[in-house]
C-alpha atoms as a PDB file:
ATOM      1  CA  MET A   1      -5.916 -22.688  -1.777  1.00  0.00           C
ATOM      2  CA  THR A   2      -6.166 -20.659   1.443  1.00  0.00           C
ATOM      3  CA  LYS A   3      -6.048 -16.895   1.886  1.00  0.00           C
ATOM      4  CA  MET A   4      -2.577 -17.092   3.442  1.00  0.00           C
ATOM      5  CA  GLU A   5      -1.230 -19.131   0.510  1.00  0.00           C
ATOM      6  CA  ILE A   6      -2.669 -16.609  -1.949  1.00  0.00           C
ATOM      7  CA  ILE A   7      -1.181 -13.642  -0.101  1.00  0.00           C
ATOM      8  CA  ASP A   8       2.133 -15.479   0.140  1.00  0.00           C
ATOM      9  CA  ARG A   9       2.156 -15.953  -3.637  1.00  0.00           C
ATOM     10  CA  LEU A  10       1.295 -12.312  -4.186  1.00  0.00           C
ATOM     11  CA  ALA A  11       4.087 -11.220  -1.842  1.00  0.00           C
ATOM     12  CA  ARG A  12       6.692 -13.489  -3.435  1.00  0.00           C
ATOM     13  CA  ALA A  13       5.742 -12.212  -6.898  1.00  0.00           C
ATOM     14  CA  LYS A  14       5.834  -8.607  -5.568  1.00  0.00           C
ATOM     15  CA  THR A  15       2.426  -8.036  -7.115  1.00  0.00           C
ATOM     16  CA  VAL A  16       1.447  -5.201  -4.782  1.00  0.00           C
ATOM     17  CA  GLU A  17       4.773  -3.440  -5.310  1.00  0.00           C
ATOM     18  CA  GLN A  18       4.327  -3.601  -9.095  1.00  0.00           C
ATOM     19  CA  VAL A  19       0.803  -2.205  -8.839  1.00  0.00           C
ATOM     20  CA  VAL A  20       1.984   0.632  -6.574  1.00  0.00           C
ATOM     21  CA  GLU A  21       4.749   1.531  -9.047  1.00  0.00           C
ATOM     22  CA  ASN A  22       2.270   1.521 -11.937  1.00  0.00           C
ATOM     23  CA  VAL A  23      -0.415   3.560 -10.178  1.00  0.00           C
ATOM     24  CA  THR A  24       1.964   6.131  -8.684  1.00  0.00           C
ATOM     25  CA  ARG A  25       4.340   6.171 -11.671  1.00  0.00           C
ATOM     26  CA  ARG A  26       7.275   6.178  -9.243  1.00  0.00           C
ATOM     27  CA  HIS A  27       9.775   3.718  -7.870  1.00  0.00           C
ATOM     28  CA  ILE A  28       8.925   2.514  -4.399  1.00  0.00           C
ATOM     29  CA  THR A  29      10.630   4.592  -1.730  1.00  0.00           C
ATOM     30  CA  GLY A  30       9.645   6.036   1.614  1.00  0.00           C
ATOM     31  CA  ASP A  31       5.906   6.361   2.006  1.00  0.00           C
ATOM     32  CA  LEU A  32       5.210   4.030  -0.928  1.00  0.00           C
ATOM     33  CA  LYS A  33       6.717   1.161   1.080  1.00  0.00           C
ATOM     34  CA  ASP A  34       4.156   2.001   3.729  1.00  0.00           C
ATOM     35  CA  LEU A  35       1.417   1.938   1.090  1.00  0.00           C
ATOM     36  CA  CYS A  36       2.495  -1.568   0.058  1.00  0.00           C
ATOM     37  CA  GLN A  37       2.372  -2.702   3.665  1.00  0.00           C
ATOM     38  CA  MET A  38      -1.069  -1.161   4.099  1.00  0.00           C
ATOM     39  CA  VAL A  39      -2.322  -3.127   1.094  1.00  0.00           C
ATOM     40  CA  TYR A  40      -0.932  -6.381   2.491  1.00  0.00           C
ATOM     41  CA  VAL A  41      -2.581  -5.649   5.852  1.00  0.00           C
ATOM     42  CA  TRP A  42      -5.829  -4.899   4.020  1.00  0.00           C
ATOM     43  CA  LEU A  43      -5.597  -8.263   2.253  1.00  0.00           C
ATOM     44  CA  LEU A  44      -4.871 -10.041   5.532  1.00  0.00           C
ATOM     45  CA  GLU A  45      -7.881  -8.401   7.184  1.00  0.00           C
ATOM     46  CA  THR A  46     -10.229  -9.217   4.293  1.00  0.00           C
ATOM     47  CA  ASP A  47     -12.544 -12.176   4.691  1.00  0.00           C
ATOM     48  CA  GLU A  48     -10.975 -15.441   3.519  1.00  0.00           C
ATOM     49  CA  SER A  49     -13.890 -16.381   1.272  1.00  0.00           C
ATOM     50  CA  ARG A  50     -13.629 -13.079  -0.587  1.00  0.00           C
ATOM     51  CA  ILE A  51      -9.882 -13.432  -1.242  1.00  0.00           C
ATOM     52  CA  VAL A  52     -10.275 -17.043  -2.362  1.00  0.00           C
ATOM     53  CA  SER A  53     -13.209 -16.115  -4.606  1.00  0.00           C
ATOM     54  CA  LEU A  54     -11.279 -13.260  -6.226  1.00  0.00           C
ATOM     55  CA  TRP A  55      -8.303 -15.572  -6.741  1.00  0.00           C
ATOM     56  CA  GLU A  56     -10.405 -18.306  -8.330  1.00  0.00           C
ATOM     57  CA  LYS A  57     -12.068 -15.798 -10.660  1.00  0.00           C
ATOM     58  CA  ASP A  58      -8.641 -14.325 -11.525  1.00  0.00           C
ATOM     59  CA  GLN A  59      -9.768 -10.919 -10.237  1.00  0.00           C
ATOM     60  CA  ILE A  60      -7.358 -10.432  -7.351  1.00  0.00           C
ATOM     61  CA  GLY A  61      -5.175  -8.128  -9.442  1.00  0.00           C
ATOM     62  CA  PHE A  62      -8.086  -5.801 -10.145  1.00  0.00           C
ATOM     63  CA  TYR A  63      -8.944  -5.794  -6.443  1.00  0.00           C
ATOM     64  CA  ILE A  64      -5.383  -4.795  -5.530  1.00  0.00           C
ATOM     65  CA  VAL A  65      -5.342  -2.050  -8.170  1.00  0.00           C
ATOM     66  CA  ARG A  66      -8.567  -0.650  -6.747  1.00  0.00           C
ATOM     67  CA  ILE A  67      -7.213  -0.661  -3.191  1.00  0.00           C
ATOM     68  CA  VAL A  68      -4.027   1.130  -4.289  1.00  0.00           C
ATOM     69  CA  GLN A  69      -5.912   3.704  -6.355  1.00  0.00           C
ATOM     70  CA  ASN A  70      -8.305   4.440  -3.519  1.00  0.00           C
ATOM     71  CA  GLN A  71      -5.558   4.753  -0.914  1.00  0.00           C
ATOM     72  CA  TYR A  72      -3.239   6.830  -3.109  1.00  0.00           C
ATOM     73  CA  CYS A  73      -5.762   9.156  -4.743  1.00  0.00           C
ATOM     74  CA  LEU A  74      -8.822   9.653  -2.547  1.00  0.00           C
ATOM     75  CA  PRO A  75      -8.600  12.605  -0.153  1.00  0.00           C
ATOM     76  CA  SER A  76     -10.346  10.633   2.582  1.00  0.00           C
ATOM     77  CA  SER A  77      -8.007   7.624   2.428  1.00  0.00           C
ATOM     78  CA  ARG A  78      -6.153   6.380   5.478  1.00  0.00           C
ATOM     79  CA  PHE A  79      -2.841   6.446   3.562  1.00  0.00           C
ATOM     80  CA  LEU A  80      -3.276  10.022   2.393  1.00  0.00           C
ATOM     81  CA  ARG A  81      -4.058  11.276   5.881  1.00  0.00           C
ATOM     82  CA  ALA A  82      -1.363   9.249   7.628  1.00  0.00           C
ATOM     83  CA  TYR A  83       1.576   9.679   5.274  1.00  0.00           C
ATOM     84  CA  ARG A  84       1.189  12.136   2.444  1.00  0.00           C
ATOM     85  CA  VAL A  85      -0.556  14.988   4.291  1.00  0.00           C
ATOM     86  CA  PHE A  86       1.515  14.459   7.425  1.00  0.00           C
ATOM     87  CA  GLY A  87       4.705  14.439   5.334  1.00  0.00           C
ATOM     88  CA  ARG A  88       3.821  17.775   3.748  1.00  0.00           C
ATOM     89  CA  ARG A  89       3.239  19.376   7.139  1.00  0.00           C
ATOM     90  CA  THR A  90       6.500  18.286   8.713  1.00  0.00           C
ATOM     91  CA  VAL A  91       9.936  19.835   8.548  1.00  0.00           C
ATOM     92  CA  PRO A  92      13.009  17.590   8.493  1.00  0.00           C
ATOM     93  CA  ILE A  93      15.102  18.006  11.625  1.00  0.00           C
ATOM     94  CA  GLU A  94      18.379  17.528   9.767  1.00  0.00           C
ATOM     95  CA  GLY A  95      20.379  20.735  10.019  1.00  0.00           C
ATOM     96  CA  HIS A  96      17.975  22.247  12.544  1.00  0.00           C
ATOM     97  CA  ASP A  97      19.749  21.386  15.754  1.00  0.00           C
ATOM     98  CA  LYS A  98      18.721  23.799  18.520  1.00  0.00           C
ATOM     99  CA  ALA A  99      21.997  23.133  20.356  1.00  0.00           C
ATOM    100  CA  ASP A 100      23.942  24.691  17.478  1.00  0.00           C
ATOM    101  CA  GLU A 101      21.995  27.977  17.570  1.00  0.00           C
END
């Protein structure tokens, strides 16, 4: 089985989405959709032999859990910097129309 076939199976089974819901203890909305996409990109960028090896050893699930935990919890993660911290520092523009003032 190739890396693309493995990732296709994972995507069809919504494996990453289930892991994200379990790790974050929330339903997938907003930035969590972005986290899922980041995990899929991570898998696509990972070396084929590593993905195939993890699949054959039935360890791909543990690998995905580790990626999600690292991205969601570590202060230095790309996800935390790009989405969670940025989201806390922004103000929604709804109801703040300068033309109305």
